[in-house]
PDB file of N, CA and C in Angstrom:
ATOM      1  N   MET A   1     -17.086  46.890 243.430  1.00  0.00           N
ATOM      2  CA  MET A   1     -18.328  47.000 242.704  1.00  0.00           C
ATOM      3  C   MET A   1     -18.183  46.340 241.339  1.00  0.00           C
ATOM      4  N   GLN A   2     -17.094  46.614 240.661  1.00  0.00           N
ATOM      5  CA  GLN A   2     -16.887  46.037 239.336  1.00  0.00           C
ATOM      6  C   GLN A   2     -16.837  44.516 239.390  1.00  0.00           C
ATOM      7  N   ALA A   3     -16.220  43.961 240.410  1.00  0.00           N
ATOM      8  CA  ALA A   3     -16.138  42.513 240.539  1.00  0.00           C
ATOM      9  C   ALA A   3     -17.528  41.904 240.765  1.00  0.00           C
ATOM     10  N   LEU A   4     -18.331  42.570 241.560  1.00  0.00           N
ATOM     11  CA  LEU A   4     -19.686  42.087 241.818  1.00  0.00           C
ATOM     12  C   LEU A   4     -20.520  42.110 240.535  1.00  0.00           C
ATOM     13  N   VAL A   5     -20.436  43.199 239.814  1.00  0.00           N
ATOM     14  CA  VAL A   5     -21.184  43.329 238.564  1.00  0.00           C
ATOM     15  C   VAL A   5     -20.714  42.280 237.565  1.00  0.00           C
ATOM     16  N   ALA A   6     -19.417  42.116 237.432  1.00  0.00           N
ATOM     17  CA  ALA A   6     -18.871  41.105 236.511  1.00  0.00           C
ATOM     18  C   ALA A   6     -19.332  39.714 236.887  1.00  0.00           C
ATOM     19  N   ARG A   7     -19.317  39.422 238.145  1.00  0.00           N
ATOM     20  CA  ARG A   7     -19.747  38.089 238.590  1.00  0.00           C
ATOM     21  C   ARG A   7     -21.214  37.847 238.272  1.00  0.00           C
ATOM     22  N   PHE A   8     -22.045  38.865 238.442  1.00  0.00           N
ATOM     23  CA  PHE A   8     -23.457  38.713 238.108  1.00  0.00           C
ATOM     24  C   PHE A   8     -23.639  38.418 236.627  1.00  0.00           C
ATOM     25  N   PHE A   9     -22.959  39.163 235.780  1.00  0.00           N
ATOM     26  CA  PHE A   9     -23.146  38.985 234.348  1.00  0.00           C
ATOM     27  C   PHE A   9     -22.465  37.723 233.802  1.00  0.00           C
ATOM     28  N   GLU A  10     -21.406  37.284 234.418  1.00  0.00           N
ATOM     29  CA  GLU A  10     -20.659  36.129 233.909  1.00  0.00           C
ATOM     30  C   GLU A  10     -20.996  34.818 234.607  1.00  0.00           C
ATOM     31  N   GLY A  11     -21.688  34.907 235.716  1.00  0.00           N
ATOM     32  CA  GLY A  11     -21.986  33.706 236.489  1.00  0.00           C
ATOM     33  C   GLY A  11     -23.065  32.844 235.852  1.00  0.00           C
ATOM     34  N   ARG A  12     -23.238  31.663 236.422  1.00  0.00           N
ATOM     35  CA  ARG A  12     -24.272  30.764 235.951  1.00  0.00           C
ATOM     36  C   ARG A  12     -25.634  31.304 236.334  1.00  0.00           C
ATOM     37  N   GLY A  13     -26.607  30.901 235.574  1.00  0.00           N
ATOM     38  CA  GLY A  13     -27.964  31.331 235.869  1.00  0.00           C
ATOM     39  C   GLY A  13     -28.934  30.662 234.924  1.00  0.00           C
ATOM     40  N   GLU A  14     -30.172  30.990 235.074  1.00  0.00           N
ATOM     41  CA  GLU A  14     -31.218  30.473 234.207  1.00  0.00           C
ATOM     42  C   GLU A  14     -31.114  31.088 232.820  1.00  0.00           C
ATOM     43  N   THR A  15     -30.707  32.352 232.761  1.00  0.00           N
ATOM     44  CA  THR A  15     -30.589  33.056 231.498  1.00  0.00           C
ATOM     45  C   THR A  15     -29.135  33.083 231.041  1.00  0.00           C
ATOM     46  N   ASP A  16     -28.956  33.245 229.766  1.00  0.00           N
ATOM     47  CA  ASP A  16     -27.615  33.330 229.188  1.00  0.00           C
ATOM     48  C   ASP A  16     -26.940  34.626 229.639  1.00  0.00           C
ATOM     49  N   PRO A  17     -25.651  34.583 229.979  1.00  0.00           N
ATOM     50  CA  PRO A  17     -24.954  35.809 230.375  1.00  0.00           C
ATOM     51  C   PRO A  17     -25.048  36.922 229.322  1.00  0.00           C
ATOM     52  N   ALA A  18     -25.052  36.550 228.047  1.00  0.00           N
ATOM     53  CA  ALA A  18     -25.171  37.572 226.995  1.00  0.00           C
ATOM     54  C   ALA A  18     -26.513  38.281 227.067  1.00  0.00           C
ATOM     55  N   LEU A  19     -27.551  37.567 227.398  1.00  0.00           N
ATOM     56  CA  LEU A  19     -28.868  38.191 227.548  1.00  0.00           C
ATOM     57  C   LEU A  19     -28.867  39.135 228.745  1.00  0.00           C
ATOM     58  N   ARG A  20     -28.289  38.714 229.860  1.00  0.00           N
ATOM     59  CA  ARG A  20     -28.236  39.578 231.035  1.00  0.00           C
ATOM     60  C   ARG A  20     -27.480  40.878 230.735  1.00  0.00           C
ATOM     61  N   ARG A  21     -26.370  40.765 230.009  1.00  0.00           N
ATOM     62  CA  ARG A  21     -25.618  41.963 229.639  1.00  0.00           C
ATOM     63  C   ARG A  21     -26.416  42.847 228.691  1.00  0.00           C
ATOM     64  N   ALA A  22     -27.082  42.229 227.704  1.00  0.00           N
ATOM     65  CA  ALA A  22     -27.872  42.998 226.746  1.00  0.00           C
ATOM     66  C   ALA A  22     -29.028  43.728 227.435  1.00  0.00           C
ATOM     67  N   VAL A  23     -29.660  43.071 228.371  1.00  0.00           N
ATOM     68  CA  VAL A  23     -30.759  43.694 229.142  1.00  0.00           C
ATOM     69  C   VAL A  23     -30.228  44.889 229.924  1.00  0.00           C
ATOM     70  N   ALA A  24     -29.098  44.743 230.565  1.00  0.00           N
ATOM     71  CA  ALA A  24     -28.518  45.847 231.349  1.00  0.00           C
ATOM     72  C   ALA A  24     -28.163  47.019 230.432  1.00  0.00           C
ATOM     73  N   GLU A  25     -27.602  46.736 229.290  1.00  0.00           N
ATOM     74  CA  GLU A  25     -27.243  47.807 228.350  1.00  0.00           C
ATOM     75  C   GLU A  25     -28.491  48.544 227.878  1.00  0.00           C
ATOM     76  N   ARG A  26     -29.546  47.796 227.556  1.00  0.00           N
ATOM     77  CA  ARG A  26     -30.800  48.428 227.136  1.00  0.00           C
ATOM     78  C   ARG A  26     -31.357  49.287 228.264  1.00  0.00           C
ATOM     79  N   ALA A  27     -31.268  48.787 229.492  1.00  0.00           N
ATOM     80  CA  ALA A  27     -31.773  49.556 230.645  1.00  0.00           C
ATOM     81  C   ALA A  27     -30.965  50.827 230.861  1.00  0.00           C
ATOM     82  N   LYS A  28     -29.706  50.813 230.410  1.00  0.00           N
ATOM     83  CA  LYS A  28     -28.887  52.015 230.507  1.00  0.00           C
ATOM     84  C   LYS A  28     -29.259  53.036 229.430  1.00  0.00           C
ATOM     85  N   GLY A  29     -30.072  52.609 228.474  1.00  0.00           N
ATOM     86  CA  GLY A  29     -30.481  53.513 227.391  1.00  0.00           C
ATOM     87  C   GLY A  29     -29.741  53.265 226.094  1.00  0.00           C
ATOM     88  N   ALA A  30     -28.877  52.268 226.064  1.00  0.00           N
ATOM     89  CA  ALA A  30     -28.116  51.959 224.854  1.00  0.00           C
ATOM     90  C   ALA A  30     -28.912  51.022 223.954  1.00  0.00           C
ATOM     91  N   GLU A  31     -28.650  51.104 222.678  1.00  0.00           N
ATOM     92  CA  GLU A  31     -29.221  50.130 221.764  1.00  0.00           C
ATOM     93  C   GLU A  31     -28.506  48.815 222.006  1.00  0.00           C
ATOM     94  N   SER A  32     -29.239  47.758 222.048  1.00  0.00           N
ATOM     95  CA  SER A  32     -28.644  46.459 222.342  1.00  0.00           C
ATOM     96  C   SER A  32     -29.391  45.375 221.596  1.00  0.00           C
ATOM     97  N   ASP A  33     -28.666  44.631 220.790  1.00  0.00           N
ATOM     98  CA  ASP A  33     -29.258  43.498 220.083  1.00  0.00           C
ATOM     99  C   ASP A  33     -29.348  42.319 221.031  1.00  0.00           C
ATOM    100  N   GLY A  34     -30.107  41.355 220.650  1.00  0.00           N
ATOM    101  CA  GLY A  34     -30.156  40.131 221.430  1.00  0.00           C
ATOM    102  C   GLY A  34     -31.222  40.109 222.508  1.00  0.00           C
ATOM    103  N   ILE A  35     -32.109  41.078 222.508  1.00  0.00           N
ATOM    104  CA  ILE A  35     -33.192  41.089 223.493  1.00  0.00           C
ATOM    105  C   ILE A  35     -34.454  40.641 222.794  1.00  0.00           C
ATOM    106  N   PRO A  36     -35.027  39.536 223.229  1.00  0.00           N
ATOM    107  CA  PRO A  36     -36.272  39.071 222.613  1.00  0.00           C
ATOM    108  C   PRO A  36     -37.391  40.104 222.748  1.00  0.00           C
ATOM    109  N   ALA A  37     -38.220  40.179 221.726  1.00  0.00           N
ATOM    110  CA  ALA A  37     -39.322  41.137 221.722  1.00  0.00           C
ATOM    111  C   ALA A  37     -40.236  40.952 222.929  1.00  0.00           C
ATOM    112  N   ALA A  38     -40.342  39.732 223.410  1.00  0.00           N
ATOM    113  CA  ALA A  38     -41.256  39.441 224.536  1.00  0.00           C
ATOM    114  C   ALA A  38     -40.849  40.154 225.824  1.00  0.00           C
ATOM    115  N   ILE A  39     -39.585  40.560 225.937  1.00  0.00           N
ATOM    116  CA  ILE A  39     -39.160  41.210 227.193  1.00  0.00           C
ATOM    117  C   ILE A  39     -38.773  42.669 227.017  1.00  0.00           C
ATOM    118  N   GLU A  40     -38.770  43.178 225.796  1.00  0.00           N
ATOM    119  CA  GLU A  40     -38.344  44.562 225.573  1.00  0.00           C
ATOM    120  C   GLU A  40     -39.142  45.567 226.396  1.00  0.00           C
ATOM    121  N   GLY A  41     -40.443  45.490 226.354  1.00  0.00           N
ATOM    122  CA  GLY A  41     -41.274  46.420 227.099  1.00  0.00           C
ATOM    123  C   GLY A  41     -41.086  46.286 228.592  1.00  0.00           C
ATOM    124  N   TYR A  42     -40.916  45.046 229.038  1.00  0.00           N
ATOM    125  CA  TYR A  42     -40.705  44.805 230.471  1.00  0.00           C
ATOM    126  C   TYR A  42     -39.396  45.437 230.925  1.00  0.00           C
ATOM    127  N   VAL A  43     -38.345  45.275 230.135  1.00  0.00           N
ATOM    128  CA  VAL A  43     -37.037  45.844 230.480  1.00  0.00           C
ATOM    129  C   VAL A  43     -37.133  47.350 230.584  1.00  0.00           C
ATOM    130  N   GLU A  44     -37.813  47.967 229.634  1.00  0.00           N
ATOM    131  CA  GLU A  44     -37.983  49.415 229.677  1.00  0.00           C
ATOM    132  C   GLU A  44     -38.771  49.851 230.911  1.00  0.00           C
ATOM    133  N   LYS A  45     -39.809  49.086 231.216  1.00  0.00           N
ATOM    134  CA  LYS A  45     -40.643  49.422 232.377  1.00  0.00           C
ATOM    135  C   LYS A  45     -39.845  49.308 233.672  1.00  0.00           C
ATOM    136  N   VAL A  46     -39.038  48.264 233.806  1.00  0.00           N
ATOM    137  CA  VAL A  46     -38.209  48.113 235.003  1.00  0.00           C
ATOM    138  C   VAL A  46     -37.220  49.276 235.096  1.00  0.00           C
ATOM    139  N   ALA A  47     -36.605  49.638 233.980  1.00  0.00           N
ATOM    140  CA  ALA A  47     -35.591  50.681 233.987  1.00  0.00           C
ATOM    141  C   ALA A  47     -36.147  52.073 234.268  1.00  0.00           C
ATOM    142  N   LEU A  48     -37.336  52.364 233.746  1.00  0.00           N
ATOM    143  CA  LEU A  48     -37.859  53.724 233.834  1.00  0.00           C
ATOM    144  C   LEU A  48     -39.036  53.901 234.787  1.00  0.00           C
ATOM    145  N   HIS A  49     -39.828  52.850 234.970  1.00  0.00           N
ATOM    146  CA  HIS A  49     -41.065  52.988 235.750  1.00  0.00           C
ATOM    147  C   HIS A  49     -41.333  51.707 236.534  1.00  0.00           C
ATOM    148  N   ALA A  50     -40.394  51.292 237.333  1.00  0.00           N
ATOM    149  CA  ALA A  50     -40.512  50.029 238.046  1.00  0.00           C
ATOM    150  C   ALA A  50     -41.770  49.949 238.912  1.00  0.00           C
ATOM    151  N   TYR A  51     -42.223  51.070 239.394  1.00  0.00           N
ATOM    152  CA  TYR A  51     -43.418  51.091 240.229  1.00  0.00           C
ATOM    153  C   TYR A  51     -44.681  50.708 239.456  1.00  0.00           C
ATOM    154  N   ARG A  52     -44.583  50.653 238.144  1.00  0.00           N
ATOM    155  CA  ARG A  52     -45.734  50.287 237.318  1.00  0.00           C
ATOM    156  C   ARG A  52     -45.805  48.803 236.970  1.00  0.00           C
ATOM    157  N   ILE A  53     -44.835  48.028 237.432  1.00  0.00           N
ATOM    158  CA  ILE A  53     -44.836  46.588 237.183  1.00  0.00           C
ATOM    159  C   ILE A  53     -46.061  45.995 237.867  1.00  0.00           C
ATOM    160  N   THR A  54     -46.778  45.163 237.139  1.00  0.00           N
ATOM    161  CA  THR A  54     -47.984  44.539 237.696  1.00  0.00           C
ATOM    162  C   THR A  54     -47.882  43.024 237.575  1.00  0.00           C
ATOM    163  N   ASP A  55     -48.788  42.350 238.229  1.00  0.00           N
ATOM    164  CA  ASP A  55     -48.863  40.903 238.107  1.00  0.00           C
ATOM    165  C   ASP A  55     -49.057  40.483 236.652  1.00  0.00           C
ATOM    166  N   GLU A  56     -49.783  41.310 235.901  1.00  0.00           N
ATOM    167  CA  GLU A  56     -50.031  40.991 234.493  1.00  0.00           C
ATOM    168  C   GLU A  56     -48.728  40.973 233.681  1.00  0.00           C
ATOM    169  N   ASP A  57     -47.780  41.834 234.031  1.00  0.00           N
ATOM    170  CA  ASP A  57     -46.483  41.825 233.356  1.00  0.00           C
ATOM    171  C   ASP A  57     -45.785  40.478 233.545  1.00  0.00           C
ATOM    172  N   ILE A  58     -45.842  39.981 234.757  1.00  0.00           N
ATOM    173  CA  ILE A  58     -45.187  38.712 235.080  1.00  0.00           C
ATOM    174  C   ILE A  58     -45.939  37.566 234.406  1.00  0.00           C
ATOM    175  N   VAL A  59     -47.247  37.614 234.416  1.00  0.00           N
ATOM    176  CA  VAL A  59     -48.046  36.587 233.755  1.00  0.00           C
ATOM    177  C   VAL A  59     -47.717  36.540 232.262  1.00  0.00           C
ATOM    178  N   ALA A  60     -47.547  37.700 231.646  1.00  0.00           N
ATOM    179  CA  ALA A  60     -47.217  37.748 230.228  1.00  0.00           C
ATOM    180  C   ALA A  60     -45.847  37.124 229.948  1.00  0.00           C
ATOM    181  N   LEU A  61     -44.890  37.395 230.830  1.00  0.00           N
ATOM    182  CA  LEU A  61     -43.571  36.787 230.658  1.00  0.00           C
ATOM    183  C   LEU A  61     -43.634  35.269 230.843  1.00  0.00           C
ATOM    184  N   ARG A  62     -44.419  34.842 231.815  1.00  0.00           N
ATOM    185  CA  ARG A  62     -44.590  33.386 232.039  1.00  0.00           C
ATOM    186  C   ARG A  62     -45.249  32.763 230.803  1.00  0.00           C
ATOM    187  N   ALA A  63     -46.237  33.441 230.235  1.00  0.00           N
ATOM    188  CA  ALA A  63     -46.913  32.928 229.034  1.00  0.00           C
ATOM    189  C   ALA A  63     -45.967  32.885 227.838  1.00  0.00           C
ATOM    190  N   ALA A  64     -44.964  33.751 227.832  1.00  0.00           N
ATOM    191  CA  ALA A  64     -43.976  33.766 226.757  1.00  0.00           C
ATOM    192  C   ALA A  64     -42.909  32.681 226.951  1.00  0.00           C
ATOM    193  N   GLY A  65     -43.024  31.941 228.069  1.00  0.00           N
ATOM    194  CA  GLY A  65     -42.114  30.819 228.291  1.00  0.00           C
ATOM    195  C   GLY A  65     -40.987  31.060 229.271  1.00  0.00           C
ATOM    196  N   TYR A  66     -41.000  32.184 229.967  1.00  0.00           N
ATOM    197  CA  TYR A  66     -39.944  32.481 230.921  1.00  0.00           C
ATOM    198  C   TYR A  66     -40.293  31.916 232.288  1.00  0.00           C
ATOM    199  N   SER A  67     -39.329  31.288 232.907  1.00  0.00           N
ATOM    200  CA  SER A  67     -39.520  30.742 234.256  1.00  0.00           C
ATOM    201  C   SER A  67     -39.415  31.858 235.287  1.00  0.00           C
ATOM    202  N   GLU A  68     -39.822  31.565 236.511  1.00  0.00           N
ATOM    203  CA  GLU A  68     -39.696  32.539 237.595  1.00  0.00           C
ATOM    204  C   GLU A  68     -38.243  32.973 237.776  1.00  0.00           C
ATOM    205  N   ASP A  69     -37.314  32.001 237.703  1.00  0.00           N
ATOM    206  CA  ASP A  69     -35.907  32.339 237.865  1.00  0.00           C
ATOM    207  C   ASP A  69     -35.412  33.240 236.733  1.00  0.00           C
ATOM    208  N   ALA A  70     -35.835  32.954 235.504  1.00  0.00           N
ATOM    209  CA  ALA A  70     -35.425  33.781 234.368  1.00  0.00           C
ATOM    210  C   ALA A  70     -35.992  35.199 234.511  1.00  0.00           C
ATOM    211  N   ILE A  71     -37.241  35.309 234.918  1.00  0.00           N
ATOM    212  CA  ILE A  71     -37.850  36.634 235.117  1.00  0.00           C
ATOM    213  C   ILE A  71     -37.096  37.401 236.194  1.00  0.00           C
ATOM    214  N   PHE A  72     -36.737  36.719 237.261  1.00  0.00           N
ATOM    215  CA  PHE A  72     -35.960  37.349 238.331  1.00  0.00           C
ATOM    216  C   PHE A  72     -34.623  37.868 237.805  1.00  0.00           C
ATOM    217  N   GLU A  73     -33.923  37.061 237.022  1.00  0.00           N
ATOM    218  CA  GLU A  73     -32.626  37.470 236.478  1.00  0.00           C
ATOM    219  C   GLU A  73     -32.768  38.623 235.480  1.00  0.00           C
ATOM    220  N   ILE A  74     -33.806  38.611 234.682  1.00  0.00           N
ATOM    221  CA  ILE A  74     -34.057  39.688 233.726  1.00  0.00           C
ATOM    222  C   ILE A  74     -34.352  40.982 234.517  1.00  0.00           C
ATOM    223  N   THR A  75     -35.151  40.858 235.549  1.00  0.00           N
ATOM    224  CA  THR A  75     -35.481  42.014 236.372  1.00  0.00           C
ATOM    225  C   THR A  75     -34.227  42.591 237.032  1.00  0.00           C
ATOM    226  N   LEU A  76     -33.410  41.716 237.604  1.00  0.00           N
ATOM    227  CA  LEU A  76     -32.165  42.185 238.230  1.00  0.00           C
ATOM    228  C   LEU A  76     -31.243  42.838 237.221  1.00  0.00           C
ATOM    229  N   SER A  77     -31.149  42.264 236.025  1.00  0.00           N
ATOM    230  CA  SER A  77     -30.280  42.822 234.990  1.00  0.00           C
ATOM    231  C   SER A  77     -30.728  44.227 234.609  1.00  0.00           C
ATOM    232  N   ALA A  78     -32.025  44.390 234.409  1.00  0.00           N
ATOM    233  CA  ALA A  78     -32.551  45.708 234.042  1.00  0.00           C
ATOM    234  C   ALA A  78     -32.357  46.709 235.167  1.00  0.00           C
ATOM    235  N   ALA A  79     -32.643  46.295 236.386  1.00  0.00           N
ATOM    236  CA  ALA A  79     -32.484  47.192 237.533  1.00  0.00           C
ATOM    237  C   ALA A  79     -31.014  47.551 237.745  1.00  0.00           C
ATOM    238  N   LEU A  80     -30.134  46.586 237.582  1.00  0.00           N
ATOM    239  CA  LEU A  80     -28.709  46.848 237.745  1.00  0.00           C
ATOM    240  C   LEU A  80     -28.217  47.810 236.675  1.00  0.00           C
ATOM    241  N   GLY A  81     -28.608  47.597 235.434  1.00  0.00           N
ATOM    242  CA  GLY A  81     -28.203  48.504 234.351  1.00  0.00           C
ATOM    243  C   GLY A  81     -28.683  49.917 234.602  1.00  0.00           C
ATOM    244  N   ALA A  82     -29.957  50.067 234.970  1.00  0.00           N
ATOM    245  CA  ALA A  82     -30.516  51.383 235.235  1.00  0.00           C
ATOM    246  C   ALA A  82     -29.826  52.032 236.444  1.00  0.00           C
ATOM    247  N   GLY A  83     -29.569  51.247 237.471  1.00  0.00           N
ATOM    248  CA  GLY A  83     -28.904  51.768 238.658  1.00  0.00           C
ATOM    249  C   GLY A  83     -27.465  52.212 238.382  1.00  0.00           C
ATOM    250  N   LEU A  84     -26.774  51.435 237.565  1.00  0.00           N
ATOM    251  CA  LEU A  84     -25.381  51.789 237.256  1.00  0.00           C
ATOM    252  C   LEU A  84     -25.279  53.086 236.479  1.00  0.00           C
ATOM    253  N   VAL A  85     -26.172  53.268 235.511  1.00  0.00           N
ATOM    254  CA  VAL A  85     -26.105  54.508 234.743  1.00  0.00           C
ATOM    255  C   VAL A  85     -26.455  55.710 235.618  1.00  0.00           C
ATOM    256  N   ARG A  86     -27.367  55.541 236.534  1.00  0.00           N
ATOM    257  CA  ARG A  86     -27.713  56.635 237.456  1.00  0.00           C
ATOM    258  C   ARG A  86     -26.540  56.941 238.394  1.00  0.00           C
ATOM    259  N   MET A  87     -25.877  55.893 238.863  1.00  0.00           N
ATOM    260  CA  MET A  87     -24.724  56.084 239.727  1.00  0.00           C
ATOM    261  C   MET A  87     -23.609  56.807 238.972  1.00  0.00           C
ATOM    262  N   GLU A  88     -23.360  56.406 237.738  1.00  0.00           N
ATOM    263  CA  GLU A  88     -22.316  57.040 236.922  1.00  0.00           C
ATOM    264  C   GLU A  88     -22.619  58.521 236.706  1.00  0.00           C
ATOM    265  N   ARG A  89     -23.868  58.835 236.452  1.00  0.00           N
ATOM    266  CA  ARG A  89     -24.261  60.244 236.263  1.00  0.00           C
ATOM    267  C   ARG A  89     -24.112  61.033 237.564  1.00  0.00           C
ATOM    268  N   GLY A  90     -24.486  60.419 238.666  1.00  0.00           N
ATOM    269  CA  GLY A  90     -24.334  61.090 239.962  1.00  0.00           C
ATOM    270  C   GLY A  90     -22.884  61.357 240.297  1.00  0.00           C
ATOM    271  N   LEU A  91     -22.029  60.377 240.053  1.00  0.00           N
ATOM    272  CA  LEU A  91     -20.604  60.572 240.310  1.00  0.00           C
ATOM    273  C   LEU A  91     -20.021  61.648 239.392  1.00  0.00           C
ATOM    274  N   ALA A  92     -20.471  61.674 238.144  1.00  0.00           N
ATOM    275  CA  ALA A  92     -20.001  62.702 237.214  1.00  0.00           C
ATOM    276  C   ALA A  92     -20.422  64.081 237.701  1.00  0.00           C
ATOM    277  N   ALA A  93     -21.633  64.178 238.214  1.00  0.00           N
ATOM    278  CA  ALA A  93     -22.105  65.458 238.743  1.00  0.00           C
ATOM    279  C   ALA A  93     -21.270  65.895 239.949  1.00  0.00           C
ATOM    280  N   LEU A  94     -20.948  64.968 240.804  1.00  0.00           N
ATOM    281  CA  LEU A  94     -20.110  65.309 241.959  1.00  0.00           C
ATOM    282  C   LEU A  94     -18.712  65.773 241.562  1.00  0.00           C
ATOM    283  N   ARG A  95     -18.205  65.187 240.482  1.00  0.00           N
ATOM    284  CA  ARG A  95     -16.886  65.607 239.973  1.00  0.00           C
ATOM    285  C   ARG A  95     -16.959  66.905 239.187  1.00  0.00           C
ATOM    286  N   GLY A  96     -18.176  67.319 238.843  1.00  0.00           N
ATOM    287  CA  GLY A  96     -18.339  68.535 238.035  1.00  0.00           C
ATOM    288  C   GLY A  96     -18.165  68.278 236.556  1.00  0.00           C
ATOM    289  N   ASP A  97     -18.331  67.012 236.151  1.00  0.00           N
ATOM    290  CA  ASP A  97     -18.138  66.647 234.750  1.00  0.00           C
ATOM    291  C   ASP A  97     -19.363  66.865 233.859  1.00  0.00           C
ATOM    292  N   LEU A  98     -20.452  67.308 234.433  1.00  0.00           N
ATOM    293  CA  LEU A  98     -21.669  67.453 233.630  1.00  0.00           C
ATOM    294  C   LEU A  98     -21.760  68.814 232.997  1.00  0.00           C
TER     295      LEU A  98
END
């Protein structure tokens, strides 16, 4: 799992690896610099309320200059960050660490 996550964040893509990492950290609930204001709300929505994403959200990102590939990578980064923190909490609960 760690190798897969590392490859996603360090691999080539439309977005900078630092941005992908920053987006994932923000989706985990951590403060993270380096996230453009144009995507902050979107990252939060993906992390906490993904079912509320609408076509208008994507149109707004496109209008802000993000390509379809960049939006896809930002979405994956936010979803991965949110998923990882949930997995970590679940594993901690199973261990009795909570």
